[in-house]
Amino acid sequence: MIPSDHFVRFYNEVFKALERKGHRHLVAYWQELGRLQTRELAARFRVGGIEECHTYWKRILEEEDCKGELTLTPTYFEFRMRRCPSLAKVLDNDAAPCEFYCDHCMGWVEPVMKAAGLHAVMDMKSRSEPHCVFRVFRDPAPARAYARRARLLSSPYAKSATTATETRRNRA
């Protein structure tokens, strides 16, 4: 089995290679991850709702040695990541992180939540610091309100983000 610090560094290099081919290739990779995760988790979250999200990410918090807090309210589940072990390992490396590294989380989560009838929002806060706030809402209105307040919203499938990235890359 490959150690997690090596896996995360490998993942980062895959993201960078796909991004060099064009942002749409990186997005397609995330879509495939989302498709696979949807098969695994969507029914579970559809039946269990935000309570099941809390249960799932509680296990992730422990297994991946994340530093953070989980909160469950009647409206949403929140995972407040104080130290993301994945980005921390990428930053503790001689190779620079992929510009869009943190978007891979919403890249797989967004399709799963849509299939489950839930609404996920991630405020990455920063692309260079290993912390973020991820919320899953029962209803779309509070999710949209939370997204408007985000400092750095993760929107890996937004057409404008893909178009802007491709345009910027073509100018270089």
Protein backbone atom coordinates (compact mmCIF):
# COMPACT_ATOMS: atom_id res chain seq x y z
CA MET A 1 0.00 0.00 0.00
CA ILE A 2 1.28 3.48 -0.83
CA PRO A 3 1.72 5.73 2.24
CA SER A 4 -0.72 8.65 2.36
CA ASP A 5 1.99 11.31 2.15
CA HIS A 6 3.23 9.75 -1.10
CA PHE A 7 -0.31 9.32 -2.41
CA VAL A 8 -1.19 12.97 -1.77
CA ARG A 9 1.97 14.13 -3.53
CA PHE A 10 1.17 11.84 -6.46
CA TYR A 11 -2.40 13.17 -6.57
CA ASN A 12 -1.03 16.73 -6.69
CA GLU A 13 1.23 15.86 -9.63
CA VAL A 14 -1.67 14.22 -11.48
CA PHE A 15 -3.74 17.38 -10.97
CA LYS A 16 -0.90 19.54 -12.31
CA ALA A 17 -0.39 17.31 -15.35
CA LEU A 18 -4.10 17.39 -16.18
CA GLU A 19 -4.23 21.16 -15.66
CA ARG A 20 -1.30 21.62 -18.09
CA LYS A 21 -3.35 19.74 -20.72
CA GLY A 22 -6.23 22.16 -20.09
CA HIS A 23 -8.50 22.84 -17.15
CA ARG A 24 -11.32 20.81 -18.70
CA HIS A 25 -9.16 17.68 -18.28
CA LEU A 26 -8.82 18.31 -14.55
CA VAL A 27 -12.57 18.94 -14.28
CA ALA A 28 -13.27 15.70 -16.17
CA TYR A 29 -11.09 13.82 -13.68
CA TRP A 30 -13.06 15.29 -10.76
CA GLN A 31 -16.30 14.37 -12.52
CA GLU A 32 -15.14 10.76 -12.71
CA LEU A 33 -14.20 10.79 -9.02
CA GLY A 34 -17.65 12.23 -8.30
CA ARG A 35 -19.33 9.55 -10.38
CA LEU A 36 -17.53 6.80 -8.46
CA GLN A 37 -18.23 8.38 -5.07
CA THR A 38 -21.89 8.88 -6.02
CA ARG A 39 -22.24 5.14 -6.57
CA GLU A 40 -20.78 4.58 -3.12
CA LEU A 41 -22.38 7.34 -1.02
CA ALA A 42 -25.41 9.03 -2.62
CA ALA A 43 -28.05 6.55 -1.41
CA ARG A 44 -26.55 6.57 2.06
CA PHE A 45 -26.74 10.37 2.28
CA ARG A 46 -30.18 10.49 0.62
CA VAL A 47 -31.59 8.18 3.31
CA GLY A 48 -29.61 9.53 6.28
CA GLY A 49 -29.45 13.21 5.34
CA ILE A 50 -27.12 15.59 7.08
CA GLU A 51 -26.99 13.28 10.10
CA GLU A 52 -25.37 10.60 7.92
CA CYS A 53 -22.96 13.23 6.54
CA HIS A 54 -21.95 13.94 10.14
CA THR A 55 -21.39 10.22 10.77
CA TYR A 56 -19.35 9.81 7.57
CA TRP A 57 -17.10 12.82 8.15
CA LYS A 58 -16.63 11.93 11.81
CA ARG A 59 -14.95 8.74 10.61
CA ILE A 60 -12.92 10.72 8.04
CA LEU A 61 -11.82 13.17 10.75
CA GLU A 62 -10.39 10.28 12.74
CA GLU A 63 -9.02 8.12 9.92
CA GLU A 64 -7.26 10.91 8.07
CA ASP A 65 -5.96 12.62 11.21
CA CYS A 66 -7.67 15.90 10.37
CA LYS A 67 -7.65 18.72 12.86
CA GLY A 68 -11.13 20.16 12.95
CA GLU A 69 -14.59 20.24 14.43
CA LEU A 70 -17.89 18.79 13.29
CA THR A 71 -21.20 20.53 14.00
CA LEU A 72 -24.69 19.26 13.35
CA THR A 73 -27.60 21.72 13.45
CA PRO A 74 -31.21 21.30 12.31
CA THR A 75 -30.30 23.14 9.08
CA TYR A 76 -26.79 21.97 8.18
CA PHE A 77 -23.81 19.79 8.94
CA GLU A 78 -20.46 21.61 9.16
CA PHE A 79 -16.90 20.35 8.96
CA ARG A 80 -14.58 23.14 10.08
CA MET A 81 -11.13 22.01 9.02
CA ARG A 82 -8.39 23.66 11.09
CA ARG A 83 -5.59 21.65 9.45
CA CYS A 84 -6.19 19.69 6.30
CA PRO A 85 -3.68 16.83 6.28
CA SER A 86 -3.92 16.53 2.49
CA LEU A 87 -2.98 20.12 1.63
CA ALA A 88 -0.50 20.22 4.53
CA LYS A 89 1.36 17.24 3.00
CA VAL A 90 1.33 18.87 -0.43
CA LEU A 91 2.71 22.11 1.02
CA ASP A 92 5.41 20.16 2.91
CA ASN A 93 7.00 19.16 -0.36
CA ASP A 94 9.55 20.53 -2.79
CA ALA A 95 6.97 20.57 -5.60
CA ALA A 96 4.47 23.41 -5.70
CA PRO A 97 0.80 22.56 -5.16
CA CYS A 98 -1.59 22.50 -8.08
CA GLU A 99 -3.38 25.85 -8.22
CA PHE A 100 -6.72 24.03 -7.92
CA TYR A 101 -5.71 21.34 -5.43
CA CYS A 102 -8.38 22.21 -2.85
CA ASP A 103 -11.15 22.07 -5.45
CA HIS A 104 -10.82 18.29 -5.68
CA CYS A 105 -12.89 17.96 -2.49
CA MET A 106 -15.92 19.70 -3.98
CA GLY A 107 -15.07 17.97 -7.25
CA TRP A 108 -16.20 14.65 -5.78
CA VAL A 109 -18.56 15.97 -3.09
CA GLU A 110 -20.78 18.15 -5.30
CA PRO A 111 -22.05 15.31 -7.54
CA VAL A 112 -22.66 13.10 -4.50
CA MET A 113 -24.69 15.75 -2.69
CA LYS A 114 -26.72 16.60 -5.78
CA ALA A 115 -27.58 12.92 -6.22
CA ALA A 116 -28.51 12.74 -2.52
CA GLY A 117 -30.74 15.84 -2.71
CA LEU A 118 -28.46 17.82 -0.40
CA HIS A 119 -26.63 21.11 -0.97
CA ALA A 120 -22.89 21.40 -0.27
CA VAL A 121 -20.88 24.60 0.05
CA MET A 122 -17.15 24.88 0.70
CA ASP A 123 -15.41 28.07 1.73
CA MET A 124 -11.77 27.27 1.06
CA LYS A 125 -10.69 30.51 2.77
CA SER A 126 -7.31 30.28 0.99
CA ARG A 127 -5.64 28.09 -1.62
CA SER A 128 -2.34 28.17 0.26
CA GLU A 129 -3.39 27.52 3.87
CA PRO A 130 -4.65 24.08 4.94
CA HIS A 131 -8.01 25.05 6.41
CA CYS A 132 -11.58 25.43 5.13
CA VAL A 133 -15.22 25.25 6.14
CA PHE A 134 -17.49 22.72 4.45
CA ARG A 135 -21.26 22.70 5.02
CA VAL A 136 -24.03 20.43 3.78
CA PHE A 137 -27.55 21.88 3.90
CA ARG A 138 -30.94 20.24 3.69
CA ASP A 139 -32.41 23.14 1.70
CA PRO A 140 -30.95 25.21 -1.15
CA ALA A 141 -31.83 28.73 0.15
CA PRO A 142 -29.56 28.67 3.23
CA ALA A 143 -26.84 27.02 1.11
CA ARG A 144 -26.99 29.90 -1.39
CA ALA A 145 -26.91 32.44 1.47
CA TYR A 146 -23.84 30.76 2.98
CA ALA A 147 -22.14 30.61 -0.44
CA ARG A 148 -22.61 34.38 -0.87
CA ARG A 149 -20.71 34.97 2.39
CA ALA A 150 -17.80 32.66 1.50
CA ARG A 151 -14.38 34.23 1.29
CA LEU A 152 -13.19 31.78 -1.39
CA LEU A 153 -15.97 29.57 -2.71
CA SER A 154 -15.00 26.24 -4.24
CA SER A 155 -16.93 25.92 -7.52
CA PRO A 156 -15.05 23.32 -9.54
CA TYR A 157 -17.81 22.95 -12.13
CA ALA A 158 -18.59 26.63 -12.66
CA LYS A 159 -18.33 27.43 -16.38
CA SER A 160 -16.96 30.90 -15.61
CA ALA A 161 -14.05 29.42 -13.59
CA THR A 162 -13.17 27.00 -16.38
CA THR A 163 -13.47 29.68 -19.05
CA ALA A 164 -11.39 32.19 -17.07
CA THR A 165 -8.68 29.60 -16.45
CA GLU A 166 -8.54 28.55 -20.10
CA THR A 167 -8.46 32.21 -21.22
CA ARG A 168 -5.65 33.04 -18.77
CA ARG A 169 -3.67 29.99 -19.88
CA ASN A 170 -4.11 30.83 -23.57
CA ARG A 171 -2.74 34.33 -22.98
CA ALA A 172 0.44 32.96 -21.34
